[in-house]
Amino acid sequence: MNTFNYKHVSIMVGVFVIATVMGLWSWNTLAALFDGPHAQYKHVLAATFMVLVMKWMFTNHIAHRKPFSRKHNETSDH
């Protein structure tokens, strides 16, 4: 049975926050080394959501697609 569990939600939010803060820190460290532009936290959030949306666009539709013909390993009774 699936029940709503605040523990799982809080762990996922914590992992998301830690991952985005680490991404911001690593980007700004590399930007300082190579004279690149520094990012703000809102830029990391936007990039993260953009990656998640693109992942959903490219994987969700492929997983639920129905085949148009028989599988190649099936044999017919002709």
C-alpha atoms as a PDB file:
ATOM      1  CA  MET A   1       0.000   0.000   0.000  1.00  0.00           C
ATOM      2  CA  ASN A   2       1.334   3.426  -0.935  1.00  0.00           C
ATOM      3  CA  THR A   3       1.013   5.922   1.876  1.00  0.00           C
ATOM      4  CA  PHE A   4       2.248   9.482   2.097  1.00  0.00           C
ATOM      5  CA  ASN A   5       5.396   9.526   4.170  1.00  0.00           C
ATOM      6  CA  TYR A   6       6.867  12.834   5.348  1.00  0.00           C
ATOM      7  CA  LYS A   7      10.213  11.163   6.003  1.00  0.00           C
ATOM      8  CA  HIS A   8      10.680  10.263   2.324  1.00  0.00           C
ATOM      9  CA  VAL A   9       9.603  13.717   1.182  1.00  0.00           C
ATOM     10  CA  SER A  10      11.994  15.448   3.571  1.00  0.00           C
ATOM     11  CA  ILE A  11      14.872  13.194   2.470  1.00  0.00           C
ATOM     12  CA  MET A  12      14.188  13.949  -1.206  1.00  0.00           C
ATOM     13  CA  VAL A  13      13.980  17.697  -0.549  1.00  0.00           C
ATOM     14  CA  GLY A  14      17.234  17.512   1.409  1.00  0.00           C
ATOM     15  CA  VAL A  15      18.986  15.591  -1.367  1.00  0.00           C
ATOM     16  CA  PHE A  16      17.722  18.111  -3.942  1.00  0.00           C
ATOM     17  CA  VAL A  17      18.923  21.098  -1.909  1.00  0.00           C
ATOM     18  CA  ILE A  18      22.335  19.532  -1.231  1.00  0.00           C
ATOM     19  CA  ALA A  19      22.776  18.568  -4.899  1.00  0.00           C
ATOM     20  CA  THR A  20      21.889  22.055  -6.142  1.00  0.00           C
ATOM     21  CA  VAL A  21      24.148  23.770  -3.594  1.00  0.00           C
ATOM     22  CA  MET A  22      27.010  21.450  -4.559  1.00  0.00           C
ATOM     23  CA  GLY A  23      26.338  22.199  -8.235  1.00  0.00           C
ATOM     24  CA  LEU A  24      26.462  25.936  -7.562  1.00  0.00           C
ATOM     25  CA  TRP A  25      29.655  25.599  -5.558  1.00  0.00           C
ATOM     26  CA  SER A  26      31.387  23.503  -8.216  1.00  0.00           C
ATOM     27  CA  TRP A  27      30.282  25.818 -11.055  1.00  0.00           C
ATOM     28  CA  ASN A  28      31.543  28.903  -9.248  1.00  0.00           C
ATOM     29  CA  THR A  29      34.831  27.158  -8.389  1.00  0.00           C
ATOM     30  CA  LEU A  30      35.410  26.256 -12.036  1.00  0.00           C
ATOM     31  CA  ALA A  31      34.324  29.736 -13.129  1.00  0.00           C
ATOM     32  CA  ALA A  32      36.941  31.272 -10.844  1.00  0.00           C
ATOM     33  CA  LEU A  33      39.639  28.972 -12.226  1.00  0.00           C
ATOM     34  CA  PHE A  34      38.846  29.598 -15.892  1.00  0.00           C
ATOM     35  CA  ASP A  35      37.578  33.220 -15.739  1.00  0.00           C
ATOM     36  CA  GLY A  36      34.011  32.210 -16.484  1.00  0.00           C
ATOM     37  CA  PRO A  37      30.753  33.797 -15.326  1.00  0.00           C
ATOM     38  CA  HIS A  38      29.631  33.164 -11.770  1.00  0.00           C
ATOM     39  CA  ALA A  39      26.160  31.710 -11.213  1.00  0.00           C
ATOM     40  CA  GLN A  40      23.513  32.420  -8.612  1.00  0.00           C
ATOM     41  CA  TYR A  41      21.294  29.831  -6.939  1.00  0.00           C
ATOM     42  CA  LYS A  42      18.359  30.761  -9.179  1.00  0.00           C
ATOM     43  CA  HIS A  43      20.466  29.819 -12.228  1.00  0.00           C
ATOM     44  CA  VAL A  44      21.153  26.372 -10.791  1.00  0.00           C
ATOM     45  CA  LEU A  45      17.450  25.851 -10.055  1.00  0.00           C
ATOM     46  CA  ALA A  46      16.531  26.879 -13.600  1.00  0.00           C
ATOM     47  CA  ALA A  47      19.141  24.537 -15.113  1.00  0.00           C
ATOM     48  CA  THR A  48      18.011  21.658 -12.885  1.00  0.00           C
ATOM     49  CA  PHE A  49      14.369  22.070 -13.839  1.00  0.00           C
ATOM     50  CA  MET A  50      15.306  22.397 -17.507  1.00  0.00           C
ATOM     51  CA  VAL A  51      17.200  19.094 -17.357  1.00  0.00           C
ATOM     52  CA  LEU A  52      14.284  17.394 -15.571  1.00  0.00           C
ATOM     53  CA  VAL A  53      11.757  18.667 -18.125  1.00  0.00           C
ATOM     54  CA  MET A  54      13.930  17.544 -21.038  1.00  0.00           C
ATOM     55  CA  LYS A  55      14.393  14.127 -19.424  1.00  0.00           C
ATOM     56  CA  TRP A  56      10.631  13.819 -19.015  1.00  0.00           C
ATOM     57  CA  MET A  57      10.032  14.899 -22.619  1.00  0.00           C
ATOM     58  CA  PHE A  58      12.434  12.374 -24.114  1.00  0.00           C
ATOM     59  CA  THR A  59      11.817   9.368 -21.857  1.00  0.00           C
ATOM     60  CA  ASN A  60       8.165   9.463 -20.842  1.00  0.00           C
ATOM     61  CA  HIS A  61       6.728   9.132 -24.336  1.00  0.00           C
ATOM     62  CA  ILE A  62       9.116   6.405 -25.430  1.00  0.00           C
ATOM     63  CA  ALA A  63       8.369   4.212 -22.415  1.00  0.00           C
ATOM     64  CA  HIS A  64       4.605   4.235 -23.022  1.00  0.00           C
ATOM     65  CA  ARG A  65       4.657   3.828 -26.797  1.00  0.00           C
ATOM     66  CA  LYS A  66       2.741   0.832 -28.132  1.00  0.00           C
ATOM     67  CA  PRO A  67       4.363  -1.181 -30.901  1.00  0.00           C
ATOM     68  CA  PHE A  68       2.832  -0.907 -34.378  1.00  0.00           C
ATOM     69  CA  SER A  69       3.603  -4.434 -35.465  1.00  0.00           C
ATOM     70  CA  ARG A  70       4.437  -7.853 -34.074  1.00  0.00           C
ATOM     71  CA  LYS A  71       7.665  -8.515 -32.304  1.00  0.00           C
ATOM     72  CA  HIS A  72      10.378  -9.920 -34.536  1.00  0.00           C
ATOM     73  CA  ASN A  73      10.745 -13.132 -32.549  1.00  0.00           C
ATOM     74  CA  GLU A  74       7.088 -14.167 -32.912  1.00  0.00           C
ATOM     75  CA  THR A  75       6.266 -16.685 -35.599  1.00  0.00           C
ATOM     76  CA  SER A  76       3.117 -16.804 -37.668  1.00  0.00           C
ATOM     77  CA  ASP A  77       1.018 -19.931 -38.294  1.00  0.00           C
ATOM     78  CA  HIS A  78       0.840 -19.686 -42.120  1.00  0.00           C
END
